[in-house]
Amino acid sequence: AVLREATQEIELSILRKKFNAAGIRFMPLKGILLKSHY
């Protein structure tokens, strides 16, 4: 679970940079936001 969360966070970070560079609107949903409240 720790490895999965770390990998997901790294991949999301890369995706954020690519979407921002391309000017594509995006909105993370559900667990990716909720986990910060655990």
PDB file of all heavy atoms in Angstrom:
ATOM      1  N   ALA A   1       0.834  -1.202   0.000  1.00  0.00           N
ATOM      2  CA  ALA A   1       0.000   0.000   0.000  1.00  0.00           C
ATOM      3  C   ALA A   1       0.873   1.257   0.000  1.00  0.00           C
ATOM      4  O   ALA A   1       0.574   2.235  -0.694  1.00  0.00           O
ATOM      5  CB  ALA A   1      -0.926   0.000   1.211  1.00  0.00           C
ATOM      6  N   VAL A   2       1.952   1.231   0.784  1.00  0.00           N
ATOM      7  CA  VAL A   2       2.876   2.364   0.833  1.00  0.00           C
ATOM      8  C   VAL A   2       3.535   2.559  -0.525  1.00  0.00           C
ATOM      9  O   VAL A   2       3.641   3.689  -1.043  1.00  0.00           O
ATOM     10  CB  VAL A   2       3.942   2.157   1.925  1.00  0.00           C
ATOM     11  CG1 VAL A   2       5.015   3.242   1.847  1.00  0.00           C
ATOM     12  CG2 VAL A   2       3.297   2.151   3.307  1.00  0.00           C
ATOM     13  N   LEU A   3       3.967   1.456  -1.147  1.00  0.00           N
ATOM     14  CA  LEU A   3       4.598   1.519  -2.465  1.00  0.00           C
ATOM     15  C   LEU A   3       3.611   2.019  -3.514  1.00  0.00           C
ATOM     16  O   LEU A   3       3.961   2.861  -4.355  1.00  0.00           O
ATOM     17  CB  LEU A   3       5.128   0.139  -2.857  1.00  0.00           C
ATOM     18  CG  LEU A   3       5.691   0.011  -4.282  1.00  0.00           C
ATOM     19  CD1 LEU A   3       6.883   0.935  -4.462  1.00  0.00           C
ATOM     20  CD2 LEU A   3       6.072  -1.439  -4.577  1.00  0.00           C
ATOM     21  N   ARG A   4       2.376   1.528  -3.452  1.00  0.00           N
ATOM     22  CA  ARG A   4       1.361   1.942  -4.428  1.00  0.00           C
ATOM     23  C   ARG A   4       1.102   3.447  -4.316  1.00  0.00           C
ATOM     24  O   ARG A   4       1.036   4.147  -5.324  1.00  0.00           O
ATOM     25  CB  ARG A   4       0.069   1.156  -4.203  1.00  0.00           C
ATOM     26  CG  ARG A   4      -1.083   1.555  -5.120  1.00  0.00           C
ATOM     27  CD  ARG A   4      -2.334   0.761  -4.789  1.00  0.00           C
ATOM     28  NE  ARG A   4      -2.180  -0.630  -5.137  1.00  0.00           N
ATOM     29  CZ  ARG A   4      -2.470  -1.130  -6.347  1.00  0.00           C
ATOM     30  NH1 ARG A   4      -2.920  -0.335  -7.297  1.00  0.00           N
ATOM     31  NH2 ARG A   4      -2.316  -2.404  -6.588  1.00  0.00           N
ATOM     32  N   GLU A   5       0.956   3.927  -3.083  1.00  0.00           N
ATOM     33  CA  GLU A   5       0.664   5.353  -2.888  1.00  0.00           C
ATOM     34  C   GLU A   5       1.818   6.208  -3.404  1.00  0.00           C
ATOM     35  O   GLU A   5       1.593   7.234  -4.067  1.00  0.00           O
ATOM     36  CB  GLU A   5       0.414   5.624  -1.400  1.00  0.00           C
ATOM     37  CG  GLU A   5      -0.142   7.009  -1.102  1.00  0.00           C
ATOM     38  CD  GLU A   5       0.912   8.094  -1.026  1.00  0.00           C
ATOM     39  OE1 GLU A   5       2.049   7.789  -0.609  1.00  0.00           O
ATOM     40  OE2 GLU A   5       0.590   9.250  -1.397  1.00  0.00           O
ATOM     41  N   ALA A   6       3.044   5.800  -3.126  1.00  0.00           N
ATOM     42  CA  ALA A   6       4.210   6.570  -3.571  1.00  0.00           C
ATOM     43  C   ALA A   6       4.296   6.581  -5.099  1.00  0.00           C
ATOM     44  O   ALA A   6       4.568   7.624  -5.711  1.00  0.00           O
ATOM     45  CB  ALA A   6       5.482   5.981  -2.973  1.00  0.00           C
ATOM     46  N   THR A   7       4.062   5.433  -5.711  1.00  0.00           N
ATOM     47  CA  THR A   7       4.107   5.338  -7.169  1.00  0.00           C
ATOM     48  C   THR A   7       3.009   6.179  -7.798  1.00  0.00           C
ATOM     49  O   THR A   7       3.244   6.902  -8.782  1.00  0.00           O
ATOM     50  CB  THR A   7       3.949   3.871  -7.613  1.00  0.00           C
ATOM     51  OG1 THR A   7       4.966   3.074  -7.002  1.00  0.00           O
ATOM     52  CG2 THR A   7       4.064   3.748  -9.125  1.00  0.00           C
ATOM     53  N   GLN A   8       1.815   6.115  -7.244  1.00  0.00           N
ATOM     54  CA  GLN A   8       0.714   6.915  -7.769  1.00  0.00           C
ATOM     55  C   GLN A   8       1.008   8.399  -7.667  1.00  0.00           C
ATOM     56  O   GLN A   8       0.708   9.165  -8.587  1.00  0.00           O
ATOM     57  CB  GLN A   8      -0.576   6.573  -7.017  1.00  0.00           C
ATOM     58  CG  GLN A   8      -1.140   5.197  -7.342  1.00  0.00           C
ATOM     59  CD  GLN A   8      -2.315   4.820  -6.456  1.00  0.00           C
ATOM     60  OE1 GLN A   8      -2.441   5.295  -5.327  1.00  0.00           O
ATOM     61  NE2 GLN A   8      -3.188   3.949  -6.949  1.00  0.00           N
ATOM     62  N   GLU A   9       1.611   8.808  -6.564  1.00  0.00           N
ATOM     63  CA  GLU A   9       1.922  10.229  -6.374  1.00  0.00           C
ATOM     64  C   GLU A   9       2.973  10.692  -7.380  1.00  0.00           C
ATOM     65  O   GLU A   9       2.891  11.804  -7.924  1.00  0.00           O
ATOM     66  CB  GLU A   9       2.405  10.464  -4.941  1.00  0.00           C
ATOM     67  CG  GLU A   9       2.422  11.918  -4.524  1.00  0.00           C
ATOM     68  CD  GLU A   9       1.072  12.593  -4.619  1.00  0.00           C
ATOM     69  OE1 GLU A   9       0.054  11.975  -4.239  1.00  0.00           O
ATOM     70  OE2 GLU A   9       1.035  13.756  -5.088  1.00  0.00           O
ATOM     71  N   ILE A  10       3.973   9.856  -7.647  1.00  0.00           N
ATOM     72  CA  ILE A  10       5.010  10.198  -8.633  1.00  0.00           C
ATOM     73  C   ILE A  10       4.399  10.318 -10.020  1.00  0.00           C
ATOM     74  O   ILE A  10       4.657  11.275 -10.761  1.00  0.00           O
ATOM     75  CB  ILE A  10       6.132   9.144  -8.619  1.00  0.00           C
ATOM     76  CG1 ILE A  10       6.927   9.232  -7.309  1.00  0.00           C
ATOM     77  CG2 ILE A  10       7.064   9.330  -9.816  1.00  0.00           C
ATOM     78  CD1 ILE A  10       7.893   8.087  -7.095  1.00  0.00           C
ATOM     79  N   GLU A  11       3.570   9.332 -10.385  1.00  0.00           N
ATOM     80  CA  GLU A  11       2.945   9.347 -11.713  1.00  0.00           C
ATOM     81  C   GLU A  11       2.024  10.549 -11.866  1.00  0.00           C
ATOM     82  O   GLU A  11       1.971  11.181 -12.933  1.00  0.00           O
ATOM     83  CB  GLU A  11       2.156   8.052 -11.939  1.00  0.00           C
ATOM     84  CG  GLU A  11       3.019   6.822 -12.136  1.00  0.00           C
ATOM     85  CD  GLU A  11       3.758   6.848 -13.473  1.00  0.00           C
ATOM     86  OE1 GLU A  11       3.100   6.962 -14.516  1.00  0.00           O
ATOM     87  OE2 GLU A  11       4.995   6.746 -13.448  1.00  0.00           O
ATOM     88  N   LEU A  12       1.280  10.886 -10.825  1.00  0.00           N
ATOM     89  CA  LEU A  12       0.393  12.036 -10.890  1.00  0.00           C
ATOM     90  C   LEU A  12       1.200  13.327 -11.036  1.00  0.00           C
ATOM     91  O   LEU A  12       0.786  14.245 -11.756  1.00  0.00           O
ATOM     92  CB  LEU A  12      -0.486  12.097  -9.640  1.00  0.00           C
ATOM     93  CG  LEU A  12      -1.502  13.246  -9.585  1.00  0.00           C
ATOM     94  CD1 LEU A  12      -2.463  13.177 -10.766  1.00  0.00           C
ATOM     95  CD2 LEU A  12      -2.281  13.206  -8.266  1.00  0.00           C
ATOM     96  N   SER A  13       2.338  13.397 -10.372  1.00  0.00           N
ATOM     97  CA  SER A  13       3.192  14.575 -10.483  1.00  0.00           C
ATOM     98  C   SER A  13       3.671  14.763 -11.921  1.00  0.00           C
ATOM     99  O   SER A  13       3.673  15.892 -12.455  1.00  0.00           O
ATOM    100  CB  SER A  13       4.387  14.441  -9.535  1.00  0.00           C
ATOM    101  OG  SER A  13       5.272  15.515  -9.691  1.00  0.00           O
ATOM    102  N   ILE A  14       4.060  13.672 -12.559  1.00  0.00           N
ATOM    103  CA  ILE A  14       4.495  13.738 -13.965  1.00  0.00           C
ATOM    104  C   ILE A  14       3.336  14.156 -14.862  1.00  0.00           C
ATOM    105  O   ILE A  14       3.484  14.998 -15.753  1.00  0.00           O
ATOM    106  CB  ILE A  14       5.052  12.378 -14.416  1.00  0.00           C
ATOM    107  CG1 ILE A  14       6.316  12.030 -13.617  1.00  0.00           C
ATOM    108  CG2 ILE A  14       5.345  12.380 -15.916  1.00  0.00           C
ATOM    109  CD1 ILE A  14       6.808  10.617 -13.832  1.00  0.00           C
ATOM    110  N   LEU A  15       2.175  13.577 -14.587  1.00  0.00           N
ATOM    111  CA  LEU A  15       0.995  13.879 -15.389  1.00  0.00           C
ATOM    112  C   LEU A  15       0.599  15.351 -15.239  1.00  0.00           C
ATOM    113  O   LEU A  15       0.203  16.004 -16.215  1.00  0.00           O
ATOM    114  CB  LEU A  15      -0.161  12.969 -14.972  1.00  0.00           C
ATOM    115  CG  LEU A  15      -1.344  12.867 -15.938  1.00  0.00           C
ATOM    116  CD1 LEU A  15      -0.893  12.295 -17.264  1.00  0.00           C
ATOM    117  CD2 LEU A  15      -2.438  12.004 -15.337  1.00  0.00           C
ATOM    118  N   ARG A  16       0.696  15.865 -14.032  1.00  0.00           N
ATOM    119  CA  ARG A  16       0.391  17.279 -13.798  1.00  0.00           C
ATOM    120  C   ARG A  16       1.261  18.172 -14.693  1.00  0.00           C
ATOM    121  O   ARG A  16       0.772  19.108 -15.335  1.00  0.00           O
ATOM    122  CB  ARG A  16       0.648  17.636 -12.334  1.00  0.00           C
ATOM    123  CG  ARG A  16      -0.455  17.260 -11.366  1.00  0.00           C
ATOM    124  CD  ARG A  16      -0.174  17.859  -9.994  1.00  0.00           C
ATOM    125  NE  ARG A  16      -1.328  17.720  -9.110  1.00  0.00           N
ATOM    126  CZ  ARG A  16      -1.383  16.894  -8.076  1.00  0.00           C
ATOM    127  NH1 ARG A  16      -0.341  16.119  -7.796  1.00  0.00           N
ATOM    128  NH2 ARG A  16      -2.467  16.833  -7.314  1.00  0.00           N
ATOM    129  N   LYS A  17       2.551  17.884 -14.734  1.00  0.00           N
ATOM    130  CA  LYS A  17       3.477  18.698 -15.529  1.00  0.00           C
ATOM    131  C   LYS A  17       3.141  18.620 -17.010  1.00  0.00           C
ATOM    132  O   LYS A  17       3.150  19.638 -17.715  1.00  0.00           O
ATOM    133  CB  LYS A  17       4.910  18.224 -15.279  1.00  0.00           C
ATOM    134  CG  LYS A  17       5.423  18.507 -13.869  1.00  0.00           C
ATOM    135  CD  LYS A  17       6.839  17.989 -13.678  1.00  0.00           C
ATOM    136  CE  LYS A  17       7.319  18.233 -12.250  1.00  0.00           C
ATOM    137  NZ  LYS A  17       8.692  17.676 -12.034  1.00  0.00           N
ATOM    138  N   LYS A  18       2.817  17.434 -17.485  1.00  0.00           N
ATOM    139  CA  LYS A  18       2.529  17.264 -18.911  1.00  0.00           C
ATOM    140  C   LYS A  18       1.210  17.928 -19.302  1.00  0.00           C
ATOM    141  O   LYS A  18       1.109  18.550 -20.369  1.00  0.00           O
ATOM    142  CB  LYS A  18       2.524  15.777 -19.275  1.00  0.00           C
ATOM    143  CG  LYS A  18       3.912  15.141 -19.221  1.00  0.00           C
ATOM    144  CD  LYS A  18       3.908  13.720 -19.717  1.00  0.00           C
ATOM    145  CE  LYS A  18       5.320  13.135 -19.727  1.00  0.00           C
ATOM    146  NZ  LYS A  18       6.212  13.815 -20.710  1.00  0.00           N
ATOM    147  N   PHE A  19       0.188  17.775 -18.475  1.00  0.00           N
ATOM    148  CA  PHE A  19      -1.096  18.412 -18.775  1.00  0.00           C
ATOM    149  C   PHE A  19      -0.964  19.934 -18.720  1.00  0.00           C
ATOM    150  O   PHE A  19      -1.535  20.641 -19.550  1.00  0.00           O
ATOM    151  CB  PHE A  19      -2.162  17.944 -17.787  1.00  0.00           C
ATOM    152  CG  PHE A  19      -2.810  16.637 -18.153  1.00  0.00           C
ATOM    153  CD1 PHE A  19      -2.211  15.772 -19.047  1.00  0.00           C
ATOM    154  CD2 PHE A  19      -4.031  16.262 -17.609  1.00  0.00           C
ATOM    155  CE1 PHE A  19      -2.798  14.560 -19.398  1.00  0.00           C
ATOM    156  CE2 PHE A  19      -4.634  15.069 -17.951  1.00  0.00           C
ATOM    157  CZ  PHE A  19      -4.014  14.208 -18.841  1.00  0.00           C
ATOM    158  N   ASN A  20      -0.220  20.440 -17.736  1.00  0.00           N
ATOM    159  CA  ASN A  20      -0.017  21.884 -17.642  1.00  0.00           C
ATOM    160  C   ASN A  20       0.760  22.409 -18.844  1.00  0.00           C
ATOM    161  O   ASN A  20       0.443  23.467 -19.397  1.00  0.00           O
ATOM    162  CB  ASN A  20       0.716  22.243 -16.348  1.00  0.00           C
ATOM    163  CG  ASN A  20      -0.223  22.370 -15.160  1.00  0.00           C
ATOM    164  OD1 ASN A  20      -1.288  22.951 -15.267  1.00  0.00           O
ATOM    165  ND2 ASN A  20       0.184  21.822 -14.025  1.00  0.00           N
ATOM    166  N   ALA A  21       1.792  21.681 -19.252  1.00  0.00           N
ATOM    167  CA  ALA A  21       2.593  22.098 -20.402  1.00  0.00           C
ATOM    168  C   ALA A  21       1.762  22.131 -21.674  1.00  0.00           C
ATOM    169  O   ALA A  21       1.974  22.986 -22.548  1.00  0.00           O
ATOM    170  CB  ALA A  21       3.789  21.158 -20.575  1.00  0.00           C
ATOM    171  N   ALA A  22       0.808  21.209 -21.782  1.00  0.00           N
ATOM    172  CA  ALA A  22      -0.037  21.133 -22.977  1.00  0.00           C
ATOM    173  C   ALA A  22      -1.268  22.031 -22.882  1.00  0.00           C
ATOM    174  O   ALA A  22      -2.024  22.165 -23.843  1.00  0.00           O
ATOM    175  CB  ALA A  22      -0.470  19.688 -23.214  1.00  0.00           C
ATOM    176  N   GLY A  23      -1.481  22.633 -21.708  1.00  0.00           N
ATOM    177  CA  GLY A  23      -2.641  23.503 -21.533  1.00  0.00           C
ATOM    178  C   GLY A  23      -3.959  22.753 -21.472  1.00  0.00           C
ATOM    179  O   GLY A  23      -4.996  23.264 -21.922  1.00  0.00           O
ATOM    180  N   ILE A  24      -3.949  21.553 -20.896  1.00  0.00           N
ATOM    181  CA  ILE A  24      -5.153  20.719 -20.818  1.00  0.00           C
ATOM    182  C   ILE A  24      -5.743  20.805 -19.407  1.00  0.00           C
ATOM    183  O   ILE A  24      -5.072  20.477 -18.425  1.00  0.00           O
ATOM    184  CB  ILE A  24      -4.823  19.250 -21.154  1.00  0.00           C
ATOM    185  CG1 ILE A  24      -4.274  19.149 -22.572  1.00  0.00           C
ATOM    186  CG2 ILE A  24      -6.069  18.371 -20.999  1.00  0.00           C
ATOM    187  CD1 ILE A  24      -3.744  17.765 -22.939  1.00  0.00           C
ATOM    188  N   ARG A  25      -6.985  21.252 -19.313  1.00  0.00           N
ATOM    189  CA  ARG A  25      -7.640  21.316 -18.007  1.00  0.00           C
ATOM    190  C   ARG A  25      -7.845  19.918 -17.438  1.00  0.00           C
ATOM    191  O   ARG A  25      -8.234  18.993 -18.158  1.00  0.00           O
ATOM    192  CB  ARG A  25      -9.018  21.986 -18.128  1.00  0.00           C
ATOM    193  CG  ARG A  25      -8.989  23.467 -18.371  1.00  0.00           C
ATOM    194  CD  ARG A  25     -10.399  24.023 -18.272  1.00  0.00           C
ATOM    195  NE  ARG A  25     -11.351  23.312 -19.126  1.00  0.00           N
ATOM    196  CZ  ARG A  25     -12.661  23.486 -19.082  1.00  0.00           C
ATOM    197  NH1 ARG A  25     -13.197  24.325 -18.212  1.00  0.00           N
ATOM    198  NH2 ARG A  25     -13.457  22.813 -19.906  1.00  0.00           N
ATOM    199  N   PHE A  26      -7.598  19.780 -16.138  1.00  0.00           N
ATOM    200  CA  PHE A  26      -7.819  18.486 -15.485  1.00  0.00           C
ATOM    201  C   PHE A  26      -8.175  18.709 -14.028  1.00  0.00           C
ATOM    202  O   PHE A  26      -7.840  19.749 -13.437  1.00  0.00           O
ATOM    203  CB  PHE A  26      -6.590  17.576 -15.613  1.00  0.00           C
ATOM    204  CG  PHE A  26      -5.377  18.054 -14.855  1.00  0.00           C
ATOM    205  CD1 PHE A  26      -5.041  17.493 -13.628  1.00  0.00           C
ATOM    206  CD2 PHE A  26      -4.565  19.060 -15.365  1.00  0.00           C
ATOM    207  CE1 PHE A  26      -3.926  17.924 -12.920  1.00  0.00           C
ATOM    208  CE2 PHE A  26      -3.439  19.503 -14.667  1.00  0.00           C
ATOM    209  CZ  PHE A  26      -3.115  18.934 -13.444  1.00  0.00           C
ATOM    210  N   MET A  27      -8.853  17.711 -13.450  1.00  0.00           N
ATOM    211  CA  MET A  27      -9.324  17.817 -12.079  1.00  0.00           C
ATOM    212  C   MET A  27      -9.221  16.455 -11.393  1.00  0.00           C
ATOM    213  O   MET A  27      -9.991  15.557 -11.690  1.00  0.00           O
ATOM    214  CB  MET A  27     -10.787  18.288 -12.068  1.00  0.00           C
ATOM    215  CG  MET A  27     -11.315  18.659 -10.692  1.00  0.00           C
ATOM    216  SD  MET A  27     -13.117  18.986 -10.694  1.00  0.00           S
ATOM    217  CE  MET A  27     -13.269  20.149 -12.035  1.00  0.00           C
ATOM    218  N   PRO A  28      -8.256  16.250 -10.485  1.00  0.00           N
ATOM    219  CA  PRO A  28      -8.180  14.994  -9.735  1.00  0.00           C
ATOM    220  C   PRO A  28      -9.442  14.791  -8.905  1.00  0.00           C
ATOM    221  O   PRO A  28     -10.031  15.748  -8.397  1.00  0.00           O
ATOM    222  CB  PRO A  28      -6.958  15.189  -8.839  1.00  0.00           C
ATOM    223  CG  PRO A  28      -6.131  16.207  -9.553  1.00  0.00           C
ATOM    224  CD  PRO A  28      -7.120  17.143 -10.178  1.00  0.00           C
ATOM    225  N   LEU A  29      -9.842  13.523  -8.770  1.00  0.00           N
ATOM    226  CA  LEU A  29     -11.092  13.192  -8.093  1.00  0.00           C
ATOM    227  C   LEU A  29     -10.859  12.167  -6.985  1.00  0.00           C
ATOM    228  O   LEU A  29      -9.816  11.525  -6.910  1.00  0.00           O
ATOM    229  CB  LEU A  29     -12.098  12.604  -9.094  1.00  0.00           C
ATOM    230  CG  LEU A  29     -12.419  13.417 -10.344  1.00  0.00           C
ATOM    231  CD1 LEU A  29     -13.238  12.576 -11.320  1.00  0.00           C
ATOM    232  CD2 LEU A  29     -13.174  14.693  -9.974  1.00  0.00           C
ATOM    233  N   LYS A  30     -11.856  12.043  -6.136  1.00  0.00           N
ATOM    234  CA  LYS A  30     -11.999  10.951  -5.161  1.00  0.00           C
ATOM    235  C   LYS A  30     -10.772  10.764  -4.279  1.00  0.00           C
ATOM    236  O   LYS A  30     -10.279  11.689  -3.650  1.00  0.00           O
ATOM    237  CB  LYS A  30     -12.412   9.669  -5.893  1.00  0.00           C
ATOM    238  CG  LYS A  30     -13.748   9.805  -6.614  1.00  0.00           C
ATOM    239  CD  LYS A  30     -14.314   8.496  -7.093  1.00  0.00           C
ATOM    240  CE  LYS A  30     -13.487   7.794  -8.100  1.00  0.00           C
ATOM    241  NZ  LYS A  30     -14.137   6.617  -8.682  1.00  0.00           N
ATOM    242  N   GLY A  31     -10.237   9.543  -4.247  1.00  0.00           N
ATOM    243  CA  GLY A  31      -9.235   9.168  -3.250  1.00  0.00           C
ATOM    244  C   GLY A  31      -7.954   9.965  -3.294  1.00  0.00           C
ATOM    245  O   GLY A  31      -7.304  10.169  -2.269  1.00  0.00           O
ATOM    246  N   ILE A  32      -7.552  10.436  -4.469  1.00  0.00           N
ATOM    247  CA  ILE A  32      -6.284  11.161  -4.592  1.00  0.00           C
ATOM    248  C   ILE A  32      -6.309  12.438  -3.773  1.00  0.00           C
ATOM    249  O   ILE A  32      -5.268  12.942  -3.339  1.00  0.00           O
ATOM    250  CB  ILE A  32      -5.968  11.464  -6.078  1.00  0.00           C
ATOM    251  CG1 ILE A  32      -4.479  11.742  -6.264  1.00  0.00           C
ATOM    252  CG2 ILE A  32      -6.823  12.584  -6.615  1.00  0.00           C
ATOM    253  CD1 ILE A  32      -3.589  10.552  -6.055  1.00  0.00           C
ATOM    254  N   LEU A  33      -7.509  12.977  -3.532  1.00  0.00           N
ATOM    255  CA  LEU A  33      -7.659  14.150  -2.683  1.00  0.00           C
ATOM    256  C   LEU A  33      -7.977  13.759  -1.240  1.00  0.00           C
ATOM    257  O   LEU A  33      -7.479  14.364  -0.299  1.00  0.00           O
ATOM    258  CB  LEU A  33      -8.780  15.049  -3.226  1.00  0.00           C
ATOM    259  CG  LEU A  33      -8.578  15.573  -4.656  1.00  0.00           C
ATOM    260  CD1 LEU A  33      -9.803  16.359  -5.091  1.00  0.00           C
ATOM    261  CD2 LEU A  33      -7.332  16.442  -4.744  1.00  0.00           C
ATOM    262  N   LEU A  34      -8.792  12.744  -1.085  1.00  0.00           N
ATOM    263  CA  LEU A  34      -9.247  12.349   0.245  1.00  0.00           C
ATOM    264  C   LEU A  34      -8.117  11.820   1.117  1.00  0.00           C
ATOM    265  O   LEU A  34      -8.141  11.965   2.343  1.00  0.00           O
ATOM    266  CB  LEU A  34     -10.345  11.286   0.114  1.00  0.00           C
ATOM    267  CG  LEU A  34     -11.119  10.915   1.373  1.00  0.00           C
ATOM    268  CD1 LEU A  34     -11.806  12.140   1.964  1.00  0.00           C
ATOM    269  CD2 LEU A  34     -12.139   9.834   1.068  1.00  0.00           C
ATOM    270  N   LYS A  35      -7.089  11.234   0.489  1.00  0.00           N
ATOM    271  CA  LYS A  35      -6.021  10.616   1.280  1.00  0.00           C
ATOM    272  C   LYS A  35      -5.294  11.631   2.168  1.00  0.00           C
ATOM    273  O   LYS A  35      -4.714  11.263   3.194  1.00  0.00           O
ATOM    274  CB  LYS A  35      -5.024   9.905   0.365  1.00  0.00           C
ATOM    275  CG  LYS A  35      -4.181  10.822  -0.497  1.00  0.00           C
ATOM    276  CD  LYS A  35      -3.183  10.024  -1.329  1.00  0.00           C
ATOM    277  CE  LYS A  35      -2.252  10.952  -2.110  1.00  0.00           C
ATOM    278  NZ  LYS A  35      -1.225  10.173  -2.859  1.00  0.00           N
ATOM    279  N   SER A  36      -5.328  12.912   1.788  1.00  0.00           N
ATOM    280  CA  SER A  36      -4.638  13.925   2.599  1.00  0.00           C
ATOM    281  C   SER A  36      -5.336  14.141   3.938  1.00  0.00           C
ATOM    282  O   SER A  36      -4.750  14.723   4.853  1.00  0.00           O
ATOM    283  CB  SER A  36      -4.578  15.253   1.841  1.00  0.00           C
ATOM    284  OG  SER A  36      -5.877  15.788   1.632  1.00  0.00           O
ATOM    285  N   HIS A  37      -6.566  13.679   4.078  1.00  0.00           N
ATOM    286  CA  HIS A  37      -7.306  13.832   5.327  1.00  0.00           C
ATOM    287  C   HIS A  37      -7.165  12.618   6.248  1.00  0.00           C
ATOM    288  O   HIS A  37      -7.703  12.623   7.357  1.00  0.00           O
ATOM    289  CB  HIS A  37      -8.781  14.094   5.039  1.00  0.00           C
ATOM    290  CG  HIS A  37      -9.037  15.381   4.304  1.00  0.00           C
ATOM    291  ND1 HIS A  37      -8.642  16.598   4.792  1.00  0.00           N
ATOM    292  CD2 HIS A  37      -9.630  15.627   3.108  1.00  0.00           C
ATOM    293  CE1 HIS A  37      -8.995  17.551   3.938  1.00  0.00           C
ATOM    294  NE2 HIS A  37      -9.590  16.987   2.910  1.00  0.00           N
ATOM    295  N   TYR A  38      -6.497  11.573   5.781  1.00  0.00           N
ATOM    296  CA  TYR A  38      -6.203  10.416   6.629  1.00  0.00           C
ATOM    297  C   TYR A  38      -4.918  10.695   7.403  1.00  0.00           C
ATOM    298  O   TYR A  38      -4.099  11.527   6.978  1.00  0.00           O
ATOM    299  CB  TYR A  38      -6.030   9.161   5.771  1.00  0.00           C
ATOM    300  CG  TYR A  38      -7.324   8.486   5.374  1.00  0.00           C
ATOM    301  CD1 TYR A  38      -8.193   9.069   4.457  1.00  0.00           C
ATOM    302  CD2 TYR A  38      -7.687   7.262   5.917  1.00  0.00           C
ATOM    303  CE1 TYR A  38      -9.382   8.450   4.090  1.00  0.00           C
ATOM    304  CE2 TYR A  38      -8.872   6.619   5.558  1.00  0.00           C
ATOM    305  CZ  TYR A  38      -9.713   7.229   4.651  1.00  0.00           C
ATOM    306  OH  TYR A  38     -10.888   6.614   4.290  1.00  0.00           O
TER     307      TYR A  38
END
